[in-house]
């Protein structure tokens, strides 16, 4: 079993508190420590730095971190909680601290975000650059529905990695997994936008074949997890967000079929991070090599 800790970013915002509680519960399920990272930086031009002022800023950061440790221990009594105070930007501090972590957890919007902003810069930057799964917890309180995890499947290596992560999480939580494959027919677009010379049935069969090939290896390693297959003719962004409305977690790959290798996050992933009502796990292709526990 992977004994590496769960790492969570905490800046004392309401969204960060929700992420902290989610991360604490996850660490307890895995039986691993929870590392809480709080980043601080001098917010003014370098020329205005003053040693006494720096000490004050750092002390305020330490107090915020202490508050995070207290909240985590209250949420999960007995949990091994370890604080990490880092100087730098929140994304940089989290990425540096994640070298020994199995999972990164962050809130969708930090202390500096606007109330109507669904996603802050850290919640975009960290999933794009991390080399391990990242869970982004929404700013609002997620709905409490059935114990179900939704995962997007498109046949890409990243979606295969996402499926493995979803199955692992389902085993930890005694939850079911809903595998969603969305496909769309260019010929179904209204004229004059429709594409000519397309065969809807051929497109559908190709999508089904990719779906079957993508899920078969992962399912073989988790025979004890109940799964449901949903094959839908619709844009993936809409289908995944809709299916996640009562789910405890939505899992997607960092980029899917058709994305350039230079693309850090694919269009579907960026969309669900903004729109999904549930926590979203972004899993990178290399996670496909992780063996089941």
Foldseek 3Di string as FASTA:
>chain_A
DQQFAEEEEADPDLLSLVLLLVRLVVCVLVVYAYEYEYEFEDPDDPVPDDPVVVVVRQVVSVVRQVVSQVSSCVSPPPHHYHYHYYYDDRLVRQQVVCPRHQEYEYEQDDPPDDPPQFHDPSNVNNLLPHQHKYKYFTSDDAAAAAAEEEAEFQLFLQSLLLLLVRLLVCVSVVGAYEYEYEAAAQQPDDPPRRDPPDDVVVRLVVRVVSRCVSCVVSCVQRVPHHYHYHYYHDDLLVVQQVVQRNYQEYEYEQADPPDDPPGSRHPSRVSCSRRHSHIYMYGYSVSSPDHHD
